[in-house]
Amino acid sequence: MLPTIDLAGLAIPTHGLFVGLGVLVASLVFVVEARRRGQTDDRIWYIVLGALVGGAIFMRLGPWFQHLDLRENASLPEQWLYGNRSILGGLFGAWIGVHVAKRLVGYTSRTGDLFAPAVALGMAVGRIGCFLTELPGTPTGTSFGIRLDAEDAARLGAPAGVPLHPSFAYEIAFQAAAFAIIWFWLRHRLASPGETLTFYLLGYGVFRFLVEFTRGNEIAWHGLTRPQLFLLATMPLVLARIAVQARKGVYRLEPVEAR
């Protein structure tokens, strides 16, 4: 584990450093794709701001409602300052933030095609920070499992010397592959505006549900973690959207000349 990185004599928190790099990378990809698609309206930056604000709020406050008895949950200030962070909550909040910002500034163009590759690559970079600092996963019998020393095991509440699933490495690989598929293939062939993000969210939702079995998160109900329960509630909405759009014939894959 590597909680801090020494840069020019400064101890920089590893997790925060890679999250920041992930946001920077995502922003660069967003700009490149916006220019390629000719979406250069200055109002687009209010949309990006809405995504960042919504994502930050829900990432921090999304995990607050963990118990039906509200007295067992942390107070909102405690959750904001010390509580767990939720990537799924952040994605949901970013989606809300985008729609609120669009309504406020009157921006009507679809932006899902801009966010999809940016989010995928940004997540691939950001998750490196999780890989280097957080509990790797559940015990595994494979030879490539991560073994924690006594100090890291005590800090993370995991067994020392036992091979653990490198669950964040699995996600880094998924996000990198998703970016490659979107960037080099899907964005040039899926003509219907905005739908690239829909397919990315579907793919990530399925992957995240499965990888949760190796993640080591707290079991909340019938062997499922809270992220899995969240996905069970939200992924049918994504599937319903895809079904409706498919009936409209918007998913015909045809060669589309890059702009």
Protein backbone atom coordinates (compact mmCIF):
# COMPACT_ATOMS: atom_id res chain seq x y z
CA MET A 1 0.00 0.00 0.00
CA LEU A 2 1.15 3.54 -0.77
CA PRO A 3 -0.91 6.11 1.17
CA THR A 4 1.32 9.04 0.14
CA ILE A 5 3.69 9.86 -2.70
CA ASP A 6 6.76 12.05 -2.17
CA LEU A 7 6.86 14.84 -4.76
CA ALA A 8 9.58 17.45 -4.37
CA GLY A 9 9.71 16.80 -0.65
CA LEU A 10 5.95 17.00 -0.20
CA ALA A 11 3.92 14.01 0.94
CA ILE A 12 0.95 14.01 -1.46
CA PRO A 13 -2.03 11.76 -0.62
CA THR A 14 -1.94 9.04 -3.26
CA HIS A 15 -5.69 8.66 -3.59
CA GLY A 16 -6.31 12.38 -3.98
CA LEU A 17 -3.44 12.72 -6.46
CA PHE A 18 -4.80 10.09 -8.84
CA VAL A 19 -8.37 11.32 -8.50
CA GLY A 20 -7.12 14.76 -9.51
CA LEU A 21 -5.19 13.28 -12.44
CA GLY A 22 -8.31 11.36 -13.45
CA VAL A 23 -10.37 14.56 -13.52
CA LEU A 24 -7.64 16.28 -15.58
CA VAL A 25 -7.47 13.42 -18.09
CA ALA A 26 -11.25 13.28 -18.36
CA SER A 27 -11.37 17.03 -19.00
CA LEU A 28 -8.82 16.78 -21.81
CA VAL A 29 -10.69 13.92 -23.49
CA PHE A 30 -13.95 15.87 -23.16
CA VAL A 31 -12.40 18.93 -24.86
CA VAL A 32 -10.96 16.87 -27.73
CA GLU A 33 -14.25 15.10 -28.38
CA ALA A 34 -16.28 18.30 -28.12
CA ARG A 35 -14.09 19.94 -30.75
CA ARG A 36 -14.27 16.88 -32.99
CA ARG A 37 -18.06 16.92 -32.87
CA GLY A 38 -18.27 20.67 -33.28
CA GLN A 39 -19.88 21.26 -29.87
CA THR A 40 -17.98 24.43 -29.02
CA ASP A 41 -20.81 26.50 -27.53
CA ASP A 42 -19.46 28.29 -24.45
CA ARG A 43 -22.43 26.97 -22.44
CA ILE A 44 -20.86 23.50 -22.56
CA TRP A 45 -18.60 24.53 -19.68
CA TYR A 46 -21.61 25.13 -17.46
CA ILE A 47 -22.63 21.55 -18.27
CA VAL A 48 -19.20 20.31 -17.21
CA LEU A 49 -19.43 22.38 -14.02
CA GLY A 50 -22.85 20.88 -13.31
CA ALA A 51 -21.42 17.39 -13.72
CA LEU A 52 -18.51 18.11 -11.37
CA VAL A 53 -20.67 19.71 -8.67
CA GLY A 54 -23.38 17.04 -8.85
CA GLY A 55 -20.80 14.27 -8.87
CA ALA A 56 -18.93 15.70 -5.87
CA ILE A 57 -22.10 16.12 -3.82
CA PHE A 58 -23.53 12.68 -4.47
CA MET A 59 -20.15 10.96 -4.21
CA ARG A 60 -19.85 12.24 -0.65
CA LEU A 61 -23.47 12.10 0.44
CA GLY A 62 -24.64 9.14 -1.62
CA PRO A 63 -23.54 6.52 0.96
CA TRP A 64 -25.24 8.41 3.82
CA PHE A 65 -28.53 6.45 3.79
CA GLN A 66 -27.23 3.07 4.93
CA HIS A 67 -29.74 2.18 7.66
CA LEU A 68 -33.53 2.35 7.67
CA ASP A 69 -33.31 3.76 11.19
CA LEU A 70 -31.97 7.22 10.38
CA ARG A 71 -30.54 7.55 13.89
CA GLU A 72 -27.95 4.90 12.98
CA ASN A 73 -26.64 6.95 10.06
CA ALA A 74 -23.98 9.64 10.42
CA SER A 75 -25.11 13.24 10.41
CA LEU A 76 -24.80 14.96 7.04
CA PRO A 77 -21.77 17.04 8.16
CA GLU A 78 -20.08 13.88 9.48
CA GLN A 79 -20.82 12.05 6.24
CA TRP A 80 -19.45 14.94 4.17
CA LEU A 81 -16.22 15.18 6.15
CA TYR A 82 -15.48 11.60 7.14
CA GLY A 83 -17.88 9.25 5.36
CA ASN A 84 -17.20 6.77 2.57
CA ARG A 85 -17.15 7.93 -1.04
CA SER A 86 -19.25 6.29 -3.73
CA ILE A 87 -18.29 6.17 -7.41
CA LEU A 88 -21.81 5.06 -8.32
CA GLY A 89 -23.22 7.94 -6.32
CA GLY A 90 -20.83 10.27 -8.10
CA LEU A 91 -21.96 9.07 -11.54
CA PHE A 92 -25.60 9.45 -10.57
CA GLY A 93 -24.95 12.93 -9.20
CA ALA A 94 -23.04 13.95 -12.33
CA TRP A 95 -25.99 12.84 -14.46
CA ILE A 96 -28.37 14.95 -12.37
CA GLY A 97 -25.94 17.89 -12.42
CA VAL A 98 -25.73 17.80 -16.21
CA HIS A 99 -29.52 17.88 -16.62
CA VAL A 100 -29.94 20.68 -14.08
CA ALA A 101 -27.20 22.74 -15.76
CA LYS A 102 -28.73 22.18 -19.19
CA ARG A 103 -32.10 23.39 -17.95
CA LEU A 104 -30.57 26.46 -16.33
CA VAL A 105 -28.58 27.60 -19.39
CA GLY A 106 -30.97 26.38 -22.07
CA TYR A 107 -28.54 23.95 -23.67
CA THR A 108 -30.42 21.32 -25.69
CA SER A 109 -27.71 19.33 -27.52
CA ARG A 110 -26.94 15.82 -26.30
CA THR A 111 -23.65 15.48 -24.41
CA GLY A 112 -23.48 11.76 -23.58
CA ASP A 113 -21.05 11.14 -26.44
CA LEU A 114 -18.65 13.66 -24.91
CA PHE A 115 -18.84 12.28 -21.39
CA ALA A 116 -18.58 8.54 -22.19
CA PRO A 117 -14.90 8.35 -23.26
CA ALA A 118 -13.93 11.04 -20.75
CA VAL A 119 -15.50 9.20 -17.82
CA ALA A 120 -14.02 5.83 -18.86
CA LEU A 121 -10.43 7.08 -19.12
CA GLY A 122 -10.76 9.33 -16.07
CA MET A 123 -12.01 6.37 -14.02
CA ALA A 124 -9.12 4.19 -15.25
CA VAL A 125 -6.64 6.76 -13.95
CA GLY A 126 -8.51 7.60 -10.76
CA ARG A 127 -8.88 3.97 -9.74
CA ILE A 128 -5.09 3.66 -9.59
CA GLY A 129 -5.33 5.68 -6.39
CA CYS A 130 -7.83 3.18 -4.98
CA PHE A 131 -5.59 0.27 -6.02
CA LEU A 132 -2.63 1.76 -4.16
CA THR A 133 -4.42 2.73 -0.96
CA GLU A 134 -7.62 0.74 -0.30
CA LEU A 135 -8.55 -2.82 0.65
CA PRO A 136 -7.73 -4.84 -2.48
CA GLY A 137 -10.60 -7.32 -2.21
CA THR A 138 -11.70 -10.65 -0.83
CA PRO A 139 -9.39 -13.66 -0.39
CA THR A 140 -8.59 -15.57 -3.55
CA GLY A 141 -6.87 -18.85 -4.22
CA THR A 142 -5.11 -17.50 -7.31
CA SER A 143 -1.38 -16.94 -7.53
CA PHE A 144 -1.73 -13.25 -8.50
CA GLY A 145 -3.51 -12.19 -5.31
CA ILE A 146 -2.19 -9.23 -3.33
CA ARG A 147 -0.66 -10.05 0.07
CA LEU A 148 -0.77 -7.36 2.75
CA ASP A 149 1.88 -6.98 5.41
CA ALA A 150 0.85 -6.79 9.06
CA GLU A 151 0.73 -2.98 9.17
CA ASP A 152 -1.45 -2.57 6.07
CA ALA A 153 -3.65 -5.50 7.07
CA ALA A 154 -4.32 -3.93 10.49
CA ARG A 155 -5.09 -0.55 8.94
CA LEU A 156 -7.48 -1.98 6.35
CA GLY A 157 -9.05 -4.66 8.53
CA ALA A 158 -7.89 -7.54 6.33
CA PRO A 159 -5.91 -10.74 6.94
CA ALA A 160 -2.15 -10.45 6.60
CA GLY A 161 -0.27 -12.66 4.14
CA VAL A 162 -3.44 -13.97 2.48
CA PRO A 163 -3.80 -13.52 -1.32
CA LEU A 164 -6.57 -10.99 -2.02
CA HIS A 165 -8.37 -10.23 -5.26
CA PRO A 166 -6.87 -7.11 -6.93
CA SER A 167 -10.41 -5.88 -7.54
CA PHE A 168 -9.37 -2.34 -8.43
CA ALA A 169 -6.95 -3.70 -11.03
CA TYR A 170 -9.92 -5.50 -12.58
CA GLU A 171 -11.75 -2.20 -12.80
CA ILE A 172 -8.77 -0.32 -14.22
CA ALA A 173 -8.56 -2.94 -16.97
CA PHE A 174 -12.30 -2.68 -17.64
CA GLN A 175 -12.27 1.11 -17.84
CA ALA A 176 -9.23 1.12 -20.12
CA ALA A 177 -10.90 -1.43 -22.41
CA ALA A 178 -14.16 0.55 -22.37
CA PHE A 179 -12.30 3.71 -23.37
CA ALA A 180 -10.52 1.91 -26.21
CA ILE A 181 -13.80 0.49 -27.56
CA ILE A 182 -15.53 3.86 -27.37
CA TRP A 183 -12.63 5.90 -28.73
CA PHE A 184 -11.52 3.70 -31.59
CA TRP A 185 -14.78 2.10 -32.66
CA LEU A 186 -18.14 3.02 -31.12
CA ARG A 187 -17.96 6.79 -31.35
CA HIS A 188 -17.43 6.55 -35.12
CA ARG A 189 -20.29 4.13 -35.73
CA LEU A 190 -23.15 4.96 -33.35
CA ALA A 191 -24.92 7.76 -35.18
CA SER A 192 -27.68 8.50 -32.66
CA PRO A 193 -26.53 11.47 -30.50
CA GLY A 194 -25.88 10.82 -26.83
CA GLU A 195 -26.26 7.05 -26.80
CA THR A 196 -22.58 6.21 -26.30
CA LEU A 197 -22.95 7.04 -22.62
CA THR A 198 -25.99 4.77 -22.32
CA PHE A 199 -24.03 1.74 -23.48
CA TYR A 200 -21.07 2.66 -21.30
CA LEU A 201 -23.29 2.86 -18.23
CA LEU A 202 -24.87 -0.48 -19.05
CA GLY A 203 -21.48 -2.14 -19.45
CA TYR A 204 -20.10 -0.60 -16.29
CA GLY A 205 -23.21 -1.48 -14.32
CA VAL A 206 -22.96 -5.15 -15.27
CA PHE A 207 -19.23 -5.23 -14.60
CA ARG A 208 -19.54 -3.46 -11.26
CA PHE A 209 -22.29 -5.81 -10.07
CA LEU A 210 -20.06 -8.81 -10.79
CA VAL A 211 -16.80 -7.36 -9.48
CA GLU A 212 -18.52 -6.50 -6.18
CA PHE A 213 -18.27 -10.19 -5.28
CA THR A 214 -14.49 -9.70 -5.13
CA ARG A 215 -14.48 -6.18 -3.66
CA GLY A 216 -14.90 -6.91 0.04
CA ASN A 217 -17.65 -4.35 0.73
CA GLU A 218 -20.10 -4.87 3.58
CA ILE A 219 -22.95 -7.28 2.88
CA ALA A 220 -26.23 -5.42 3.26
CA TRP A 221 -28.98 -7.83 2.23
CA HIS A 222 -29.16 -11.46 1.08
CA GLY A 223 -25.47 -11.67 0.21
CA LEU A 224 -25.48 -8.42 -1.78
CA THR A 225 -23.62 -5.19 -1.08
CA ARG A 226 -25.17 -1.74 -1.17
CA PRO A 227 -23.66 -0.95 -4.60
CA GLN A 228 -25.24 -4.13 -5.95
CA LEU A 229 -28.63 -3.17 -4.50
CA PHE A 230 -28.26 0.28 -6.06
CA LEU A 231 -27.51 -1.32 -9.41
CA LEU A 232 -30.48 -3.68 -9.14
CA ALA A 233 -32.68 -0.62 -8.72
CA THR A 234 -31.16 1.52 -11.48
CA MET A 235 -29.96 -0.80 -14.24
CA PRO A 236 -33.51 -1.78 -15.30
CA LEU A 237 -34.01 1.91 -16.14
CA VAL A 238 -30.97 1.84 -18.44
CA LEU A 239 -32.19 -1.38 -20.06
CA ALA A 240 -35.66 0.11 -20.53
CA ARG A 241 -34.16 3.14 -22.27
CA ILE A 242 -32.12 0.92 -24.59
CA ALA A 243 -35.21 -1.16 -25.39
CA VAL A 244 -37.25 1.95 -26.25
CA GLN A 245 -34.47 3.39 -28.38
CA ALA A 246 -33.93 0.05 -30.13
CA ARG A 247 -37.62 -0.08 -31.11
CA LYS A 248 -37.16 3.35 -32.66
CA GLY A 249 -34.29 1.95 -34.74
CA VAL A 250 -31.67 4.38 -33.45
CA TYR A 251 -28.99 1.76 -32.80
CA ARG A 252 -28.18 0.74 -36.34
CA LEU A 253 -24.39 0.57 -36.50
CA GLU A 254 -23.23 2.22 -39.68
CA PRO A 255 -19.86 3.68 -40.65
CA VAL A 256 -19.99 7.32 -39.66
CA GLU A 257 -17.41 9.73 -40.98
CA ALA A 258 -15.53 11.39 -38.12
CA ARG A 259 -16.13 15.11 -37.83
